[in-house]
Amino acid sequence: MIKKVNLTYPMEPFIPFLFFLAALVLLTRQLSVFFHELGHAIPALVLTKEKVTIYIGSFGDPNKSLKIPIVPLTIFFR
């Protein structure tokens, strides 16, 4: 005789954990990209003494992007 195993109960606590992991990955990815790009911008500011522009997620297109001017640094988020 084959017993049926109910797998819904052991999986219930795991589903919110998966959503938590997905949210954590999305958040840390955005933060890591931001700090990575700042790693390019800060030396450019220090070594060139000119204005520097960072485009994150906008592919160099300032339209439809959030502009954050921090003189002499300008950041475009999309």
PDB file of N, CA and C in Angstrom:
ATOM      1  N   MET A   1       0.834  -1.180   0.000  1.00  0.00           N
ATOM      2  CA  MET A   1       0.000   0.000   0.000  1.00  0.00           C
ATOM      3  C   MET A   1       0.885   1.253   0.000  1.00  0.00           C
ATOM      4  N   ILE A   2       0.556   2.214  -0.845  1.00  0.00           N
ATOM      5  CA  ILE A   2       1.320   3.456  -0.971  1.00  0.00           C
ATOM      6  C   ILE A   2       0.638   4.535  -0.150  1.00  0.00           C
ATOM      7  N   LYS A   3       1.441   5.177   0.715  1.00  0.00           N
ATOM      8  CA  LYS A   3       0.911   6.257   1.541  1.00  0.00           C
ATOM      9  C   LYS A   3       1.055   7.581   0.807  1.00  0.00           C
ATOM     10  N   LYS A   4       0.041   8.405   0.922  1.00  0.00           N
ATOM     11  CA  LYS A   4       0.121   9.752   0.378  1.00  0.00           C
ATOM     12  C   LYS A   4       0.765  10.660   1.421  1.00  0.00           C
ATOM     13  N   VAL A   5       1.654  11.476   0.959  1.00  0.00           N
ATOM     14  CA  VAL A   5       2.338  12.402   1.849  1.00  0.00           C
ATOM     15  C   VAL A   5       1.838  13.807   1.542  1.00  0.00           C
ATOM     16  N   ASN A   6       1.443  14.501   2.576  1.00  0.00           N
ATOM     17  CA  ASN A   6       0.973  15.867   2.422  1.00  0.00           C
ATOM     18  C   ASN A   6       2.176  16.815   2.516  1.00  0.00           C
ATOM     19  N   LEU A   7       2.546  17.413   1.389  1.00  0.00           N
ATOM     20  CA  LEU A   7       3.718  18.290   1.355  1.00  0.00           C
ATOM     21  C   LEU A   7       3.380  19.768   1.525  1.00  0.00           C
ATOM     22  N   THR A   8       2.115  20.101   1.655  1.00  0.00           N
ATOM     23  CA  THR A   8       1.754  21.516   1.761  1.00  0.00           C
ATOM     24  C   THR A   8       2.166  22.107   3.097  1.00  0.00           C
ATOM     25  N   TYR A   9       2.077  21.391   4.169  1.00  0.00           N
ATOM     26  CA  TYR A   9       2.426  21.957   5.468  1.00  0.00           C
ATOM     27  C   TYR A   9       3.919  22.259   5.590  1.00  0.00           C
ATOM     28  N   PRO A  10       4.838  21.346   5.225  1.00  0.00           N
ATOM     29  CA  PRO A  10       6.250  21.696   5.375  1.00  0.00           C
ATOM     30  C   PRO A  10       6.698  22.822   4.447  1.00  0.00           C
ATOM     31  N   MET A  11       6.001  23.055   3.351  1.00  0.00           N
ATOM     32  CA  MET A  11       6.416  24.087   2.412  1.00  0.00           C
ATOM     33  C   MET A  11       5.907  25.479   2.794  1.00  0.00           C
ATOM     34  N   GLU A  12       4.892  25.553   3.631  1.00  0.00           N
ATOM     35  CA  GLU A  12       4.293  26.853   3.965  1.00  0.00           C
ATOM     36  C   GLU A  12       5.284  27.841   4.590  1.00  0.00           C
ATOM     37  N   PRO A  13       6.118  27.453   5.527  1.00  0.00           N
ATOM     38  CA  PRO A  13       7.070  28.438   6.064  1.00  0.00           C
ATOM     39  C   PRO A  13       8.161  28.816   5.056  1.00  0.00           C
ATOM     40  N   PHE A  14       8.374  28.002   4.064  1.00  0.00           N
ATOM     41  CA  PHE A  14       9.438  28.234   3.104  1.00  0.00           C
ATOM     42  C   PHE A  14       9.075  29.317   2.086  1.00  0.00           C
ATOM     43  N   ILE A  15       7.813  29.480   1.758  1.00  0.00           N
ATOM     44  CA  ILE A  15       7.380  30.440   0.740  1.00  0.00           C
ATOM     45  C   ILE A  15       7.669  31.886   1.158  1.00  0.00           C
ATOM     46  N   PRO A  16       7.336  32.324   2.376  1.00  0.00           N
ATOM     47  CA  PRO A  16       7.723  33.701   2.762  1.00  0.00           C
ATOM     48  C   PRO A  16       9.235  33.898   2.761  1.00  0.00           C
ATOM     49  N   PHE A  17       9.963  32.839   3.099  1.00  0.00           N
ATOM     50  CA  PHE A  17      11.424  32.922   3.080  1.00  0.00           C
ATOM     51  C   PHE A  17      11.938  33.164   1.661  1.00  0.00           C
ATOM     52  N   LEU A  18      11.316  32.534   0.671  1.00  0.00           N
ATOM     53  CA  LEU A  18      11.701  32.762  -0.722  1.00  0.00           C
ATOM     54  C   LEU A  18      11.435  34.201  -1.148  1.00  0.00           C
ATOM     55  N   PHE A  19      10.298  34.759  -0.727  1.00  0.00           N
ATOM     56  CA  PHE A  19      10.011  36.165  -1.031  1.00  0.00           C
ATOM     57  C   PHE A  19      11.013  37.086  -0.360  1.00  0.00           C
ATOM     58  N   PHE A  20      11.390  36.764   0.871  1.00  0.00           N
ATOM     59  CA  PHE A  20      12.394  37.548   1.586  1.00  0.00           C
ATOM     60  C   PHE A  20      13.736  37.504   0.850  1.00  0.00           C
ATOM     61  N   LEU A  21      14.142  36.321   0.400  1.00  0.00           N
ATOM     62  CA  LEU A  21      15.400  36.202  -0.335  1.00  0.00           C
ATOM     63  C   LEU A  21      15.362  36.980  -1.646  1.00  0.00           C
ATOM     64  N   ALA A  22      14.244  36.918  -2.355  1.00  0.00           N
ATOM     65  CA  ALA A  22      14.117  37.654  -3.615  1.00  0.00           C
ATOM     66  C   ALA A  22      14.219  39.155  -3.373  1.00  0.00           C
ATOM     67  N   ALA A  23      13.545  39.653  -2.341  1.00  0.00           N
ATOM     68  CA  ALA A  23      13.608  41.083  -2.016  1.00  0.00           C
ATOM     69  C   ALA A  23      15.023  41.478  -1.604  1.00  0.00           C
ATOM     70  N   LEU A  24      15.675  40.629  -0.852  1.00  0.00           N
ATOM     71  CA  LEU A  24      17.040  40.912  -0.410  1.00  0.00           C
ATOM     72  C   LEU A  24      18.001  40.986  -1.594  1.00  0.00           C
ATOM     73  N   VAL A  25      17.854  40.074  -2.534  1.00  0.00           N
ATOM     74  CA  VAL A  25      18.709  40.085  -3.730  1.00  0.00           C
ATOM     75  C   VAL A  25      18.476  41.355  -4.536  1.00  0.00           C
ATOM     76  N   LEU A  26      17.211  41.735  -4.724  1.00  0.00           N
ATOM     77  CA  LEU A  26      16.917  42.943  -5.501  1.00  0.00           C
ATOM     78  C   LEU A  26      17.472  44.197  -4.829  1.00  0.00           C
ATOM     79  N   LEU A  27      17.351  44.273  -3.515  1.00  0.00           N
ATOM     80  CA  LEU A  27      17.845  45.441  -2.786  1.00  0.00           C
ATOM     81  C   LEU A  27      19.368  45.502  -2.804  1.00  0.00           C
ATOM     82  N   THR A  28      20.026  44.391  -2.515  1.00  0.00           N
ATOM     83  CA  THR A  28      21.482  44.418  -2.464  1.00  0.00           C
ATOM     84  C   THR A  28      22.085  44.621  -3.844  1.00  0.00           C
ATOM     85  N   ARG A  29      21.390  44.171  -4.879  1.00  0.00           N
ATOM     86  CA  ARG A  29      21.894  44.386  -6.237  1.00  0.00           C
ATOM     87  C   ARG A  29      21.910  45.875  -6.570  1.00  0.00           C
ATOM     88  N   GLN A  30      20.822  46.567  -6.225  1.00  0.00           N
ATOM     89  CA  GLN A  30      20.756  48.004  -6.494  1.00  0.00           C
ATOM     90  C   GLN A  30      21.835  48.760  -5.713  1.00  0.00           C
ATOM     91  N   LEU A  31      22.000  48.396  -4.452  1.00  0.00           N
ATOM     92  CA  LEU A  31      23.008  49.080  -3.635  1.00  0.00           C
ATOM     93  C   LEU A  31      24.423  48.792  -4.131  1.00  0.00           C
ATOM     94  N   SER A  32      24.686  47.562  -4.531  1.00  0.00           N
ATOM     95  CA  SER A  32      26.033  47.230  -4.992  1.00  0.00           C
ATOM     96  C   SER A  32      26.350  47.953  -6.301  1.00  0.00           C
ATOM     97  N   VAL A  33      25.371  48.096  -7.193  1.00  0.00           N
ATOM     98  CA  VAL A  33      25.599  48.845  -8.436  1.00  0.00           C
ATOM     99  C   VAL A  33      25.869  50.314  -8.120  1.00  0.00           C
ATOM    100  N   PHE A  34      25.102  50.874  -7.195  1.00  0.00           N
ATOM    101  CA  PHE A  34      25.295  52.283  -6.822  1.00  0.00           C
ATOM    102  C   PHE A  34      26.704  52.512  -6.270  1.00  0.00           C
ATOM    103  N   PHE A  35      27.138  51.671  -5.328  1.00  0.00           N
ATOM    104  CA  PHE A  35      28.466  51.850  -4.749  1.00  0.00           C
ATOM    105  C   PHE A  35      29.573  51.539  -5.763  1.00  0.00           C
ATOM    106  N   HIS A  36      29.325  50.621  -6.668  1.00  0.00           N
ATOM    107  CA  HIS A  36      30.293  50.332  -7.725  1.00  0.00           C
ATOM    108  C   HIS A  36      30.498  51.561  -8.610  1.00  0.00           C
ATOM    109  N   GLU A  37      29.398  52.186  -9.001  1.00  0.00           N
ATOM    110  CA  GLU A  37      29.499  53.378  -9.853  1.00  0.00           C
ATOM    111  C   GLU A  37      30.134  54.548  -9.103  1.00  0.00           C
ATOM    112  N   LEU A  38      29.862  54.659  -7.807  1.00  0.00           N
ATOM    113  CA  LEU A  38      30.551  55.689  -7.017  1.00  0.00           C
ATOM    114  C   LEU A  38      32.051  55.438  -6.979  1.00  0.00           C
ATOM    115  N   GLY A  39      32.445  54.170  -7.037  1.00  0.00           N
ATOM    116  CA  GLY A  39      33.862  53.829  -7.094  1.00  0.00           C
ATOM    117  C   GLY A  39      34.529  54.333  -8.360  1.00  0.00           C
ATOM    118  N   HIS A  40      33.765  54.536  -9.417  1.00  0.00           N
ATOM    119  CA  HIS A  40      34.308  55.151 -10.631  1.00  0.00           C
ATOM    120  C   HIS A  40      34.248  56.676 -10.534  1.00  0.00           C
ATOM    121  N   ALA A  41      33.187  57.193  -9.942  1.00  0.00           N
ATOM    122  CA  ALA A  41      32.963  58.641  -9.915  1.00  0.00           C
ATOM    123  C   ALA A  41      33.918  59.362  -8.971  1.00  0.00           C
ATOM    124  N   ILE A  42      34.175  58.805  -7.813  1.00  0.00           N
ATOM    125  CA  ILE A  42      35.017  59.496  -6.826  1.00  0.00           C
ATOM    126  C   ILE A  42      36.437  59.728  -7.348  1.00  0.00           C
ATOM    127  N   PRO A  43      37.106  58.718  -7.911  1.00  0.00           N
ATOM    128  CA  PRO A  43      38.431  59.021  -8.477  1.00  0.00           C
ATOM    129  C   PRO A  43      38.368  60.029  -9.638  1.00  0.00           C
ATOM    130  N   ALA A  44      37.306  59.960 -10.439  1.00  0.00           N
ATOM    131  CA  ALA A  44      37.171  60.933 -11.530  1.00  0.00           C
ATOM    132  C   ALA A  44      37.035  62.340 -10.977  1.00  0.00           C
ATOM    133  N   LEU A  45      36.292  62.497  -9.891  1.00  0.00           N
ATOM    134  CA  LEU A  45      36.155  63.819  -9.268  1.00  0.00           C
ATOM    135  C   LEU A  45      37.485  64.309  -8.698  1.00  0.00           C
ATOM    136  N   VAL A  46      38.180  63.415  -8.036  1.00  0.00           N
ATOM    137  CA  VAL A  46      39.428  63.803  -7.374  1.00  0.00           C
ATOM    138  C   VAL A  46      40.528  64.100  -8.394  1.00  0.00           C
ATOM    139  N   LEU A  47      40.621  63.281  -9.434  1.00  0.00           N
ATOM    140  CA  LEU A  47      41.734  63.412 -10.367  1.00  0.00           C
ATOM    141  C   LEU A  47      41.502  64.446 -11.466  1.00  0.00           C
ATOM    142  N   THR A  48      40.263  64.708 -11.828  1.00  0.00           N
ATOM    143  CA  THR A  48      40.022  65.634 -12.938  1.00  0.00           C
ATOM    144  C   THR A  48      39.531  66.996 -12.484  1.00  0.00           C
ATOM    145  N   LYS A  49      38.943  67.077 -11.313  1.00  0.00           N
ATOM    146  CA  LYS A  49      38.382  68.347 -10.804  1.00  0.00           C
ATOM    147  C   LYS A  49      37.283  68.900 -11.717  1.00  0.00           C
ATOM    148  N   GLU A  50      36.631  68.027 -12.479  1.00  0.00           N
ATOM    149  CA  GLU A  50      35.547  68.450 -13.359  1.00  0.00           C
ATOM    150  C   GLU A  50      34.244  67.795 -12.923  1.00  0.00           C
ATOM    151  N   LYS A  51      33.146  68.213 -13.545  1.00  0.00           N
ATOM    152  CA  LYS A  51      31.850  67.629 -13.236  1.00  0.00           C
ATOM    153  C   LYS A  51      31.803  66.186 -13.743  1.00  0.00           C
ATOM    154  N   VAL A  52      31.161  65.314 -12.950  1.00  0.00           N
ATOM    155  CA  VAL A  52      31.047  63.900 -13.287  1.00  0.00           C
ATOM    156  C   VAL A  52      29.571  63.531 -13.257  1.00  0.00           C
ATOM    157  N   THR A  53      29.143  62.750 -14.240  1.00  0.00           N
ATOM    158  CA  THR A  53      27.756  62.299 -14.321  1.00  0.00           C
ATOM    159  C   THR A  53      27.721  60.775 -14.292  1.00  0.00           C
ATOM    160  N   ILE A  54      26.836  60.234 -13.438  1.00  0.00           N
ATOM    161  CA  ILE A  54      26.634  58.786 -13.343  1.00  0.00           C
ATOM    162  C   ILE A  54      25.239  58.478 -13.856  1.00  0.00           C
ATOM    163  N   TYR A  55      25.135  57.487 -14.726  1.00  0.00           N
ATOM    164  CA  TYR A  55      23.848  57.001 -15.213  1.00  0.00           C
ATOM    165  C   TYR A  55      23.656  55.583 -14.686  1.00  0.00           C
ATOM    166  N   ILE A  56      22.613  55.393 -13.876  1.00  0.00           N
ATOM    167  CA  ILE A  56      22.325  54.061 -13.328  1.00  0.00           C
ATOM    168  C   ILE A  56      20.962  53.626 -13.840  1.00  0.00           C
ATOM    169  N   GLY A  57      20.965  52.636 -14.715  1.00  0.00           N
ATOM    170  CA  GLY A  57      19.726  52.097 -15.252  1.00  0.00           C
ATOM    171  C   GLY A  57      19.111  52.907 -16.361  1.00  0.00           C
ATOM    172  N   SER A  58      19.742  53.990 -16.763  1.00  0.00           N
ATOM    173  CA  SER A  58      19.146  54.836 -17.794  1.00  0.00           C
ATOM    174  C   SER A  58      19.878  54.729 -19.127  1.00  0.00           C
ATOM    175  N   PHE A  59      20.954  53.982 -19.192  1.00  0.00           N
ATOM    176  CA  PHE A  59      21.729  53.779 -20.412  1.00  0.00           C
ATOM    177  C   PHE A  59      22.148  55.100 -21.049  1.00  0.00           C
ATOM    178  N   GLY A  60      22.491  56.080 -20.247  1.00  0.00           N
ATOM    179  CA  GLY A  60      22.954  57.361 -20.747  1.00  0.00           C
ATOM    180  C   GLY A  60      21.864  58.305 -21.198  1.00  0.00           C
ATOM    181  N   ASP A  61      20.611  57.947 -20.973  1.00  0.00           N
ATOM    182  CA  ASP A  61      19.482  58.784 -21.383  1.00  0.00           C
ATOM    183  C   ASP A  61      18.906  59.487 -20.153  1.00  0.00           C
ATOM    184  N   PRO A  62      19.058  60.804 -20.039  1.00  0.00           N
ATOM    185  CA  PRO A  62      18.552  61.499 -18.856  1.00  0.00           C
ATOM    186  C   PRO A  62      17.034  61.679 -18.849  1.00  0.00           C
ATOM    187  N   ASN A  63      16.369  61.468 -19.983  1.00  0.00           N
ATOM    188  CA  ASN A  63      14.911  61.588 -20.023  1.00  0.00           C
ATOM    189  C   ASN A  63      14.282  60.442 -19.225  1.00  0.00           C
ATOM    190  N   LYS A  64      13.212  60.748 -18.536  1.00  0.00           N
ATOM    191  CA  LYS A  64      12.482  59.780 -17.705  1.00  0.00           C
ATOM    192  C   LYS A  64      13.343  59.190 -16.590  1.00  0.00           C
ATOM    193  N   SER A  65      14.334  59.935 -16.152  1.00  0.00           N
ATOM    194  CA  SER A  65      15.194  59.489 -15.058  1.00  0.00           C
ATOM    195  C   SER A  65      15.121  60.480 -13.914  1.00  0.00           C
ATOM    196  N   LEU A  66      15.376  59.987 -12.723  1.00  0.00           N
ATOM    197  CA  LEU A  66      15.448  60.835 -11.543  1.00  0.00           C
ATOM    198  C   LEU A  66      16.833  61.460 -11.495  1.00  0.00           C
ATOM    199  N   LYS A  67      16.882  62.773 -11.484  1.00  0.00           N
ATOM    200  CA  LYS A  67      18.162  63.484 -11.467  1.00  0.00           C
ATOM    201  C   LYS A  67      18.476  63.920 -10.047  1.00  0.00           C
ATOM    202  N   ILE A  68      19.663  63.542  -9.590  1.00  0.00           N
ATOM    203  CA  ILE A  68      20.119  63.946  -8.254  1.00  0.00           C
ATOM    204  C   ILE A  68      21.422  64.720  -8.433  1.00  0.00           C
ATOM    205  N   PRO A  69      21.341  66.055  -8.395  1.00  0.00           N
ATOM    206  CA  PRO A  69      22.562  66.849  -8.538  1.00  0.00           C
ATOM    207  C   PRO A  69      23.245  67.067  -7.194  1.00  0.00           C
ATOM    208  N   ILE A  70      24.454  66.606  -7.091  1.00  0.00           N
ATOM    209  CA  ILE A  70      25.295  66.855  -5.922  1.00  0.00           C
ATOM    210  C   ILE A  70      26.582  67.441  -6.500  1.00  0.00           C
ATOM    211  N   VAL A  71      26.622  68.768  -6.521  1.00  0.00           N
ATOM    212  CA  VAL A  71      27.698  69.464  -7.241  1.00  0.00           C
ATOM    213  C   VAL A  71      29.035  68.998  -6.703  1.00  0.00           C
ATOM    214  N   PRO A  72      29.947  68.586  -7.518  1.00  0.00           N
ATOM    215  CA  PRO A  72      30.010  68.510  -8.970  1.00  0.00           C
ATOM    216  C   PRO A  72      29.600  67.140  -9.533  1.00  0.00           C
ATOM    217  N   LEU A  73      28.838  66.379  -8.801  1.00  0.00           N
ATOM    218  CA  LEU A  73      28.403  65.048  -9.228  1.00  0.00           C
ATOM    219  C   LEU A  73      26.914  65.080  -9.566  1.00  0.00           C
ATOM    220  N   THR A  74      26.552  64.492 -10.678  1.00  0.00           N
ATOM    221  CA  THR A  74      25.141  64.356 -11.060  1.00  0.00           C
ATOM    222  C   THR A  74      24.844  62.879 -11.269  1.00  0.00           C
ATOM    223  N   ILE A  75      23.767  62.410 -10.633  1.00  0.00           N
ATOM    224  CA  ILE A  75      23.392  60.997 -10.722  1.00  0.00           C
ATOM    225  C   ILE A  75      22.022  60.912 -11.372  1.00  0.00           C
ATOM    226  N   PHE A  76      21.896  60.054 -12.369  1.00  0.00           N
ATOM    227  CA  PHE A  76      20.609  59.774 -13.015  1.00  0.00           C
ATOM    228  C   PHE A  76      20.199  58.343 -12.700  1.00  0.00           C
ATOM    229  N   PHE A  77      19.044  58.201 -12.029  1.00  0.00           N
ATOM    230  CA  PHE A  77      18.498  56.882 -11.697  1.00  0.00           C
ATOM    231  C   PHE A  77      17.288  56.606 -12.582  1.00  0.00           C
ATOM    232  N   ARG A  78      17.141  55.408 -12.974  1.00  0.00           N
ATOM    233  CA  ARG A  78      15.915  55.016 -13.653  1.00  0.00           C
ATOM    234  C   ARG A  78      15.378  53.771 -13.008  1.00  0.00           C
TER     235      ARG A  78
END
